[in-house]
Structure formats: structure tokens, C-alpha cells
């Protein structure tokens, strides 16, 4: 028993300060389905981001990349009809959450995805990764507001 306690103590002391259990901290995907077209949801998303006074930094064309590289990686599976990820940031909110914890830099920029799966062509999905408890929940609330506005649920 003493040997086990000593091993536990050594393990805890060897863990770096601020280390987290990444297995239990896995992000949850928050998503909403819409019968609106991909283009309409994208238009709504761009307007919702701009409506918050934010600017889109980058649009990642994930669907096009997967389609373009499908044969190169030896696959025949079509995953998406469309899939894009919008990256953006809020200077004010980012500063606030990083002043609270500089490690929140890992979450910036913020991303929202829009996709239409090949196996569900009439459904456009929009969403984002959840954030850990604490200051980052304020960012999550902003993303949820943007997503809901994009599809007219706000």
C-alpha cells in the first residue's frame, strides 16, 4: 500500500503545473441542423459575424480539400457536398479571456463550421467546438449567438 501511495505522489509531483486531463477535456461539438441551403446559411453566418462587429480572418474550404485529395489518399468516400470553416476573433473578448488565463490563447481564433453531408443533402449543419468551464464560456455564448442568428433561431 505504501508503495502505491508513493507512486501516486511521485506521479502528481511530476505533472506539470496547469496540466489537464485531455481525455476528460475533449471538446463537444455544438451543432444545429437547418433546411436552408448551404449558400443561405453561409450568407447568414457572414452577416451574423459582421453584425457582432467582427471580421472573418480566414475561410477554410475543408470540403473542397477533402474532395480534391480523396483519390490521392486512396479513398472513394465522398463525405461532404459542402464544408467550410470560418475563423475569426474578437480583440476585446480575446483580451478579456487571455488576461484571465494566458493559456486561453490555444482557443484563438474562434471557428464556426457549415457543412452539408453527402448522405444528407437536404440538411445544412452549422456549429462549433465547445469550450471549457470558466472565462471561455463567454466566447462559447458569442459563438452560439452567431450560429443561431445565422439560421434565424435567435
N, C-alpha and C. Protein backbone atom coordinates (compact mmCIF):
# COMPACT_ATOMS: atom_id res chain seq x y z
N UNK A 1 0.83 -1.20 0.00
CA UNK A 1 0.00 0.00 0.00
C UNK A 1 0.87 1.26 0.00
N UNK A 2 1.93 1.25 0.82
CA UNK A 2 2.83 2.40 0.88
C UNK A 2 3.48 2.64 -0.47
N UNK A 3 3.82 1.55 -1.15
CA UNK A 3 4.44 1.65 -2.47
C UNK A 3 3.48 2.33 -3.47
N UNK A 4 2.20 1.98 -3.42
CA UNK A 4 1.20 2.57 -4.33
C UNK A 4 1.04 4.06 -4.02
N UNK A 5 0.96 4.41 -2.74
CA UNK A 5 0.83 5.82 -2.37
C UNK A 5 2.05 6.61 -2.82
N UNK A 6 3.24 6.03 -2.69
CA UNK A 6 4.46 6.71 -3.13
C UNK A 6 4.43 6.93 -4.64
N UNK A 7 3.95 5.94 -5.39
CA UNK A 7 3.86 6.06 -6.85
C UNK A 7 2.87 7.16 -7.24
N UNK A 8 1.74 7.22 -6.55
CA UNK A 8 0.75 8.26 -6.81
C UNK A 8 1.34 9.63 -6.51
N UNK A 9 2.04 9.78 -5.40
CA UNK A 9 2.64 11.04 -5.01
C UNK A 9 3.68 11.49 -6.04
N UNK A 10 4.52 10.56 -6.50
CA UNK A 10 5.53 10.90 -7.49
C UNK A 10 4.86 11.32 -8.79
N UNK A 11 3.81 10.62 -9.18
CA UNK A 11 3.09 10.96 -10.41
C UNK A 11 2.50 12.35 -10.32
N UNK A 12 1.87 12.68 -9.20
CA UNK A 12 1.27 14.00 -9.04
C UNK A 12 2.33 15.10 -9.02
N UNK A 13 3.45 14.85 -8.36
CA UNK A 13 4.50 15.85 -8.30
C UNK A 13 5.18 16.04 -9.65
N UNK A 14 5.20 15.00 -10.47
CA UNK A 14 5.86 15.08 -11.78
C UNK A 14 5.00 15.77 -12.83
N UNK A 15 3.69 15.88 -12.57
CA UNK A 15 2.80 16.53 -13.54
C UNK A 15 3.10 18.01 -13.61
N UNK A 16 3.20 18.55 -14.82
CA UNK A 16 3.48 19.98 -14.94
C UNK A 16 2.35 20.82 -14.36
N UNK A 17 2.70 22.00 -13.85
CA UNK A 17 1.68 22.90 -13.30
C UNK A 17 0.69 23.25 -14.39
N UNK A 18 -0.57 23.21 -14.07
CA UNK A 18 -1.60 23.56 -15.03
C UNK A 18 -1.96 22.43 -15.99
N UNK A 19 -1.35 21.26 -15.80
CA UNK A 19 -1.66 20.14 -16.70
C UNK A 19 -3.11 19.75 -16.54
N UNK A 20 -3.72 19.37 -17.65
CA UNK A 20 -5.11 18.94 -17.60
C UNK A 20 -5.23 17.56 -18.17
N UNK A 21 -6.25 16.88 -17.78
CA UNK A 21 -6.55 15.56 -18.32
C UNK A 21 -7.25 15.76 -19.65
N UNK A 22 -6.52 15.59 -20.74
CA UNK A 22 -7.09 15.88 -22.05
C UNK A 22 -8.19 14.89 -22.42
N UNK A 23 -8.17 13.71 -21.84
CA UNK A 23 -9.23 12.75 -22.16
C UNK A 23 -10.58 13.25 -21.65
N UNK A 24 -10.60 13.86 -20.47
CA UNK A 24 -11.87 14.34 -19.94
C UNK A 24 -12.20 15.75 -20.43
N UNK A 25 -11.23 16.41 -21.07
CA UNK A 25 -11.45 17.76 -21.55
C UNK A 25 -11.75 17.79 -23.05
N UNK A 26 -12.14 16.66 -23.60
CA UNK A 26 -12.42 16.60 -25.04
C UNK A 26 -13.56 17.55 -25.39
N UNK A 27 -13.39 18.29 -26.47
CA UNK A 27 -14.45 19.24 -26.85
C UNK A 27 -15.70 18.52 -27.31
N UNK A 28 -16.80 19.16 -27.08
CA UNK A 28 -18.09 18.67 -27.55
C UNK A 28 -18.47 19.54 -28.73
N UNK A 29 -19.00 18.93 -29.76
CA UNK A 29 -19.44 19.69 -30.92
C UNK A 29 -20.88 20.14 -30.68
N UNK A 30 -21.10 21.43 -30.77
CA UNK A 30 -22.44 22.01 -30.66
C UNK A 30 -22.87 22.31 -32.08
N UNK A 31 -24.00 21.73 -32.51
CA UNK A 31 -24.41 21.95 -33.89
C UNK A 31 -25.92 22.08 -34.00
N UNK A 32 -26.33 22.75 -35.07
CA UNK A 32 -27.73 22.95 -35.38
C UNK A 32 -27.95 22.57 -36.83
N UNK A 33 -29.01 21.85 -37.10
CA UNK A 33 -29.37 21.49 -38.46
C UNK A 33 -30.40 22.47 -38.99
N UNK A 34 -30.30 22.74 -40.29
CA UNK A 34 -31.22 23.67 -40.94
C UNK A 34 -31.61 23.11 -42.29
N UNK A 35 -32.83 23.41 -42.71
CA UNK A 35 -33.27 23.01 -44.05
C UNK A 35 -32.88 24.08 -45.08
N UNK A 36 -32.28 25.18 -44.61
CA UNK A 36 -31.81 26.22 -45.53
C UNK A 36 -30.65 25.69 -46.37
N UNK A 37 -30.46 26.27 -47.54
CA UNK A 37 -29.36 25.86 -48.40
C UNK A 37 -28.02 26.24 -47.76
N UNK A 38 -26.98 25.59 -48.19
CA UNK A 38 -25.63 25.90 -47.73
C UNK A 38 -25.33 27.38 -47.97
N UNK A 39 -25.62 27.87 -49.17
CA UNK A 39 -25.34 29.27 -49.50
C UNK A 39 -26.11 30.23 -48.60
N UNK A 40 -27.35 29.90 -48.28
CA UNK A 40 -28.13 30.76 -47.39
C UNK A 40 -27.57 30.77 -45.98
N UNK A 41 -27.12 29.62 -45.50
CA UNK A 41 -26.54 29.56 -44.15
C UNK A 41 -25.22 30.32 -44.13
N UNK A 42 -24.40 30.17 -45.17
CA UNK A 42 -23.14 30.91 -45.25
C UNK A 42 -23.40 32.42 -45.26
N UNK A 43 -24.39 32.83 -46.04
CA UNK A 43 -24.75 34.25 -46.09
C UNK A 43 -25.18 34.73 -44.70
N UNK A 44 -26.00 33.93 -44.03
CA UNK A 44 -26.44 34.27 -42.68
C UNK A 44 -25.28 34.32 -41.70
N UNK A 45 -24.33 33.38 -41.84
CA UNK A 45 -23.17 33.35 -40.95
C UNK A 45 -22.30 34.59 -41.14
N UNK A 46 -22.02 34.92 -42.39
CA UNK A 46 -21.20 36.10 -42.65
C UNK A 46 -21.86 37.35 -42.08
N UNK A 47 -23.16 37.49 -42.25
CA UNK A 47 -23.88 38.64 -41.71
C UNK A 47 -23.90 38.63 -40.18
N UNK A 48 -24.05 37.46 -39.58
CA UNK A 48 -24.07 37.36 -38.12
C UNK A 48 -22.71 37.72 -37.52
N UNK A 49 -21.63 37.31 -38.17
CA UNK A 49 -20.29 37.66 -37.70
C UNK A 49 -20.09 39.17 -37.81
N UNK A 50 -20.42 39.72 -38.97
CA UNK A 50 -20.30 41.16 -39.17
C UNK A 50 -21.21 41.93 -38.21
N UNK A 51 -22.39 41.38 -37.94
CA UNK A 51 -23.33 42.01 -37.03
C UNK A 51 -22.81 42.12 -35.61
N UNK A 52 -21.84 41.31 -35.25
CA UNK A 52 -21.21 41.38 -33.94
C UNK A 52 -20.00 42.33 -33.95
N UNK A 53 -19.78 42.99 -35.11
CA UNK A 53 -18.65 43.89 -35.22
C UNK A 53 -17.33 43.17 -35.43
N UNK A 54 -17.40 41.93 -35.90
CA UNK A 54 -16.20 41.12 -36.10
C UNK A 54 -15.90 40.98 -37.58
N UNK A 55 -14.70 40.53 -37.89
CA UNK A 55 -14.26 40.35 -39.26
C UNK A 55 -13.78 38.92 -39.43
N UNK A 56 -14.17 38.29 -40.52
CA UNK A 56 -13.70 36.94 -40.83
C UNK A 56 -12.23 37.02 -41.22
N UNK A 57 -11.40 36.24 -40.53
CA UNK A 57 -9.97 36.20 -40.85
C UNK A 57 -9.70 35.26 -42.02
N UNK A 58 -10.29 34.05 -41.94
CA UNK A 58 -9.98 33.02 -42.92
C UNK A 58 -11.21 32.14 -43.13
N UNK A 59 -11.37 31.70 -44.37
CA UNK A 59 -12.37 30.69 -44.67
C UNK A 59 -11.62 29.45 -45.15
N UNK A 60 -11.78 28.37 -44.41
CA UNK A 60 -11.12 27.11 -44.75
C UNK A 60 -12.10 26.27 -45.56
N UNK A 61 -11.71 25.92 -46.76
CA UNK A 61 -12.56 25.16 -47.67
C UNK A 61 -12.30 23.66 -47.47
N UNK A 62 -12.75 23.15 -46.35
CA UNK A 62 -12.48 21.77 -45.95
C UNK A 62 -13.09 20.77 -46.94
N UNK A 63 -14.31 21.02 -47.35
CA UNK A 63 -14.97 20.11 -48.28
C UNK A 63 -14.21 19.99 -49.59
N UNK A 64 -13.79 21.14 -50.14
CA UNK A 64 -13.02 21.13 -51.39
C UNK A 64 -11.70 20.38 -51.21
N UNK A 65 -11.02 20.60 -50.10
CA UNK A 65 -9.75 19.92 -49.84
C UNK A 65 -9.95 18.41 -49.78
N UNK A 66 -10.99 17.97 -49.06
CA UNK A 66 -11.23 16.53 -48.95
C UNK A 66 -11.59 15.93 -50.30
N UNK A 67 -12.35 16.66 -51.08
CA UNK A 67 -12.72 16.18 -52.41
C UNK A 67 -11.50 16.12 -53.33
N UNK A 68 -10.68 17.16 -53.28
CA UNK A 68 -9.51 17.25 -54.14
C UNK A 68 -8.48 16.16 -53.81
N UNK A 69 -8.37 15.78 -52.54
CA UNK A 69 -7.34 14.83 -52.13
C UNK A 69 -7.86 13.40 -51.95
N UNK A 70 -9.14 13.20 -52.20
CA UNK A 70 -9.77 11.88 -51.97
C UNK A 70 -8.99 10.76 -52.67
N UNK A 71 -8.77 10.87 -53.96
CA UNK A 71 -8.07 9.82 -54.70
C UNK A 71 -6.61 9.72 -54.28
N UNK A 72 -5.99 10.87 -53.96
CA UNK A 72 -4.58 10.87 -53.57
C UNK A 72 -4.31 10.05 -52.32
N UNK A 73 -5.30 9.97 -51.45
CA UNK A 73 -5.12 9.21 -50.20
C UNK A 73 -5.76 7.82 -50.29
N UNK A 74 -6.20 7.46 -51.50
CA UNK A 74 -6.73 6.12 -51.72
C UNK A 74 -8.15 5.91 -51.25
N UNK A 75 -8.95 6.95 -51.25
CA UNK A 75 -10.34 6.82 -50.79
C UNK A 75 -11.30 7.06 -51.95
N UNK A 76 -12.48 6.48 -51.80
CA UNK A 76 -13.56 6.73 -52.75
C UNK A 76 -14.76 7.36 -52.06
N UNK A 77 -14.63 7.62 -50.77
CA UNK A 77 -15.74 8.11 -49.96
C UNK A 77 -15.91 9.62 -50.12
N UNK A 78 -17.12 10.03 -50.46
CA UNK A 78 -17.46 11.46 -50.51
C UNK A 78 -18.14 11.77 -49.18
N UNK A 79 -17.55 12.64 -48.40
CA UNK A 79 -18.06 12.93 -47.06
C UNK A 79 -19.05 14.09 -47.10
N UNK A 80 -18.67 15.16 -47.79
CA UNK A 80 -19.48 16.38 -47.80
C UNK A 80 -19.81 16.80 -49.22
N UNK A 81 -20.99 17.40 -49.38
CA UNK A 81 -21.29 18.15 -50.60
C UNK A 81 -20.62 19.52 -50.47
N UNK A 82 -20.64 20.08 -49.25
CA UNK A 82 -20.01 21.36 -48.94
C UNK A 82 -19.54 21.31 -47.49
N UNK A 83 -18.41 21.94 -47.22
CA UNK A 83 -17.94 22.09 -45.84
C UNK A 83 -16.92 23.22 -45.78
N UNK A 84 -17.22 24.21 -44.96
CA UNK A 84 -16.31 25.33 -44.76
C UNK A 84 -16.23 25.66 -43.28
N UNK A 85 -15.08 26.17 -42.88
CA UNK A 85 -14.87 26.61 -41.51
C UNK A 85 -14.46 28.07 -41.55
N UNK A 86 -15.20 28.90 -40.82
CA UNK A 86 -14.92 30.33 -40.74
C UNK A 86 -14.14 30.60 -39.47
N UNK A 87 -12.99 31.27 -39.61
CA UNK A 87 -12.16 31.63 -38.47
C UNK A 87 -12.19 33.14 -38.29
N UNK A 88 -12.33 33.56 -37.04
CA UNK A 88 -12.38 34.98 -36.73
C UNK A 88 -12.04 35.16 -35.26
N UNK A 89 -11.88 36.41 -34.86
CA UNK A 89 -11.54 36.67 -33.47
C UNK A 89 -12.22 37.96 -33.02
N UNK A 90 -12.30 38.13 -31.73
CA UNK A 90 -12.79 39.36 -31.13
C UNK A 90 -11.66 39.90 -30.26
N UNK A 91 -11.10 41.04 -30.65
CA UNK A 91 -9.98 41.60 -29.89
C UNK A 91 -10.37 41.83 -28.42
N UNK A 92 -11.54 42.41 -28.20
CA UNK A 92 -11.96 42.72 -26.83
C UNK A 92 -12.18 41.45 -26.00
N UNK A 93 -12.92 40.50 -26.56
CA UNK A 93 -13.22 39.28 -25.81
C UNK A 93 -11.97 38.41 -25.66
N UNK A 94 -11.15 38.35 -26.69
CA UNK A 94 -9.92 37.56 -26.60
C UNK A 94 -9.01 38.12 -25.52
N UNK A 95 -8.88 39.44 -25.48
CA UNK A 95 -8.05 40.05 -24.45
C UNK A 95 -8.59 39.71 -23.06
N UNK A 96 -9.90 39.80 -22.91
CA UNK A 96 -10.52 39.52 -21.60
C UNK A 96 -10.23 38.09 -21.15
N UNK A 97 -10.42 37.12 -22.03
CA UNK A 97 -10.24 35.73 -21.61
C UNK A 97 -8.76 35.38 -21.45
N UNK A 98 -7.89 36.05 -22.20
CA UNK A 98 -6.46 35.76 -22.06
C UNK A 98 -5.84 36.50 -20.88
N UNK A 99 -6.43 37.62 -20.48
CA UNK A 99 -5.98 38.25 -19.24
C UNK A 99 -6.36 37.38 -18.05
N UNK A 100 -7.50 36.70 -18.15
CA UNK A 100 -7.92 35.79 -17.08
C UNK A 100 -7.02 34.55 -17.03
N UNK A 101 -6.61 34.07 -18.21
CA UNK A 101 -5.73 32.90 -18.30
C UNK A 101 -5.01 32.95 -19.64
N UNK A 102 -3.74 33.27 -19.64
CA UNK A 102 -2.99 33.36 -20.89
C UNK A 102 -3.03 32.08 -21.74
N UNK A 103 -3.29 30.94 -21.13
CA UNK A 103 -3.36 29.68 -21.88
C UNK A 103 -4.60 29.62 -22.77
N UNK A 104 -5.53 30.54 -22.60
CA UNK A 104 -6.69 30.59 -23.48
C UNK A 104 -6.31 30.97 -24.90
N UNK A 105 -5.04 31.33 -25.11
CA UNK A 105 -4.54 31.59 -26.46
C UNK A 105 -4.75 30.35 -27.34
N UNK A 106 -4.79 29.19 -26.75
CA UNK A 106 -4.97 27.94 -27.50
C UNK A 106 -6.31 27.90 -28.23
N UNK A 107 -7.27 28.70 -27.82
CA UNK A 107 -8.61 28.66 -28.41
C UNK A 107 -8.82 29.71 -29.51
N UNK A 108 -7.83 30.54 -29.73
CA UNK A 108 -7.98 31.64 -30.69
C UNK A 108 -7.25 31.27 -31.98
N UNK A 109 -7.79 31.51 -33.14
CA UNK A 109 -9.06 32.17 -33.42
C UNK A 109 -10.23 31.22 -33.17
N UNK A 110 -11.41 31.78 -33.20
CA UNK A 110 -12.63 31.01 -32.99
C UNK A 110 -13.13 30.52 -34.35
N UNK A 111 -13.73 29.34 -34.35
CA UNK A 111 -14.15 28.72 -35.61
C UNK A 111 -15.61 28.31 -35.57
N UNK A 112 -16.28 28.51 -36.69
CA UNK A 112 -17.64 28.01 -36.89
C UNK A 112 -17.64 27.27 -38.21
N UNK A 113 -18.20 26.06 -38.20
CA UNK A 113 -18.25 25.28 -39.43
C UNK A 113 -19.67 25.26 -39.99
N UNK A 114 -19.75 25.10 -41.31
CA UNK A 114 -21.01 24.91 -42.01
C UNK A 114 -20.77 23.77 -42.98
N UNK A 115 -21.66 22.78 -42.95
CA UNK A 115 -21.46 21.63 -43.84
C UNK A 115 -22.79 21.04 -44.30
N UNK A 116 -22.70 20.38 -45.43
CA UNK A 116 -23.79 19.55 -45.94
C UNK A 116 -23.15 18.19 -46.22
N UNK A 117 -23.59 17.19 -45.49
CA UNK A 117 -23.04 15.86 -45.68
C UNK A 117 -23.59 15.24 -46.95
N UNK A 118 -22.76 14.45 -47.60
CA UNK A 118 -23.17 13.80 -48.84
C UNK A 118 -24.35 12.86 -48.62
N UNK A 119 -24.44 12.27 -47.44
CA UNK A 119 -25.53 11.33 -47.15
C UNK A 119 -26.79 12.03 -46.64
N UNK A 120 -26.77 13.36 -46.53
CA UNK A 120 -27.94 14.12 -46.07
C UNK A 120 -27.98 15.46 -46.82
N UNK A 121 -28.18 15.43 -48.13
CA UNK A 121 -28.05 16.64 -48.95
C UNK A 121 -29.07 17.75 -48.64
N UNK A 122 -30.15 17.46 -47.96
CA UNK A 122 -31.15 18.47 -47.66
C UNK A 122 -30.96 19.14 -46.31
N UNK A 123 -29.87 18.82 -45.63
CA UNK A 123 -29.63 19.34 -44.28
C UNK A 123 -28.30 20.08 -44.24
N UNK A 124 -28.35 21.33 -43.84
CA UNK A 124 -27.13 22.11 -43.63
C UNK A 124 -26.89 22.18 -42.13
N UNK A 125 -25.69 21.82 -41.72
CA UNK A 125 -25.33 21.82 -40.31
C UNK A 125 -24.35 22.95 -40.05
N UNK A 126 -24.59 23.66 -38.96
CA UNK A 126 -23.71 24.75 -38.55
C UNK A 126 -23.37 24.54 -37.08
N UNK A 127 -22.12 24.80 -36.71
CA UNK A 127 -21.76 24.60 -35.31
C UNK A 127 -20.35 25.02 -34.98
N UNK A 128 -19.93 24.60 -33.78
CA UNK A 128 -18.63 24.99 -33.24
C UNK A 128 -18.24 24.01 -32.16
N UNK A 129 -16.97 24.05 -31.75
CA UNK A 129 -16.49 23.24 -30.62
C UNK A 129 -16.81 23.97 -29.33
N UNK A 130 -17.22 23.21 -28.32
CA UNK A 130 -17.48 23.82 -27.02
C UNK A 130 -16.16 24.21 -26.36
N UNK A 131 -16.26 25.01 -25.31
CA UNK A 131 -15.09 25.45 -24.58
C UNK A 131 -15.17 24.98 -23.14
N UNK A 132 -14.03 24.96 -22.45
CA UNK A 132 -14.03 24.52 -21.05
C UNK A 132 -14.74 25.52 -20.15
N UNK A 133 -15.08 25.06 -18.97
CA UNK A 133 -15.71 25.93 -17.98
C UNK A 133 -14.81 27.12 -17.68
N UNK A 134 -15.41 28.20 -17.25
CA UNK A 134 -14.65 29.40 -16.91
C UNK A 134 -14.88 30.49 -17.94
N UNK A 135 -13.88 31.35 -18.09
CA UNK A 135 -13.98 32.52 -18.97
C UNK A 135 -14.36 32.17 -20.40
N UNK A 136 -13.91 31.01 -20.90
CA UNK A 136 -14.16 30.66 -22.30
C UNK A 136 -15.63 30.40 -22.59
N UNK A 137 -16.44 30.21 -21.57
CA UNK A 137 -17.88 30.04 -21.80
C UNK A 137 -18.49 31.33 -22.37
N UNK A 138 -17.86 32.48 -22.10
CA UNK A 138 -18.33 33.73 -22.67
C UNK A 138 -18.12 33.73 -24.20
N UNK A 139 -17.00 33.18 -24.63
CA UNK A 139 -16.74 33.03 -26.06
C UNK A 139 -17.74 32.06 -26.66
N UNK A 140 -17.99 30.97 -25.96
CA UNK A 140 -18.96 29.98 -26.44
C UNK A 140 -20.35 30.61 -26.61
N UNK A 141 -20.73 31.46 -25.69
CA UNK A 141 -22.02 32.14 -25.79
C UNK A 141 -22.06 33.04 -27.03
N UNK A 142 -20.95 33.70 -27.33
CA UNK A 142 -20.88 34.53 -28.53
C UNK A 142 -21.04 33.65 -29.78
N UNK A 143 -20.33 32.54 -29.83
CA UNK A 143 -20.44 31.65 -30.99
C UNK A 143 -21.85 31.11 -31.14
N UNK A 144 -22.48 30.77 -30.03
CA UNK A 144 -23.85 30.26 -30.10
C UNK A 144 -24.81 31.33 -30.63
N UNK A 145 -24.62 32.57 -30.19
CA UNK A 145 -25.44 33.68 -30.69
C UNK A 145 -25.25 33.84 -32.19
N UNK A 146 -24.01 33.82 -32.64
CA UNK A 146 -23.72 33.96 -34.07
C UNK A 146 -24.35 32.84 -34.87
N UNK A 147 -24.19 31.61 -34.42
CA UNK A 147 -24.73 30.44 -35.12
C UNK A 147 -26.25 30.51 -35.18
N UNK A 148 -26.88 30.82 -34.07
CA UNK A 148 -28.36 30.91 -34.05
C UNK A 148 -28.86 32.04 -34.96
N UNK A 149 -28.15 33.17 -34.95
CA UNK A 149 -28.52 34.28 -35.83
C UNK A 149 -28.38 33.87 -37.30
N UNK A 150 -27.35 33.11 -37.60
CA UNK A 150 -27.10 32.71 -38.98
C UNK A 150 -28.24 31.91 -39.58
N UNK A 151 -28.92 31.13 -38.74
CA UNK A 151 -30.02 30.28 -39.25
C UNK A 151 -31.39 30.76 -38.78
N UNK A 152 -31.43 31.97 -38.22
CA UNK A 152 -32.71 32.55 -37.84
C UNK A 152 -33.34 31.95 -36.61
N UNK A 153 -32.54 31.42 -35.68
CA UNK A 153 -33.08 30.86 -34.44
C UNK A 153 -32.88 31.78 -33.25
N UNK A 154 -32.50 33.00 -33.48
CA UNK A 154 -32.25 33.94 -32.38
C UNK A 154 -33.16 35.11 -32.50
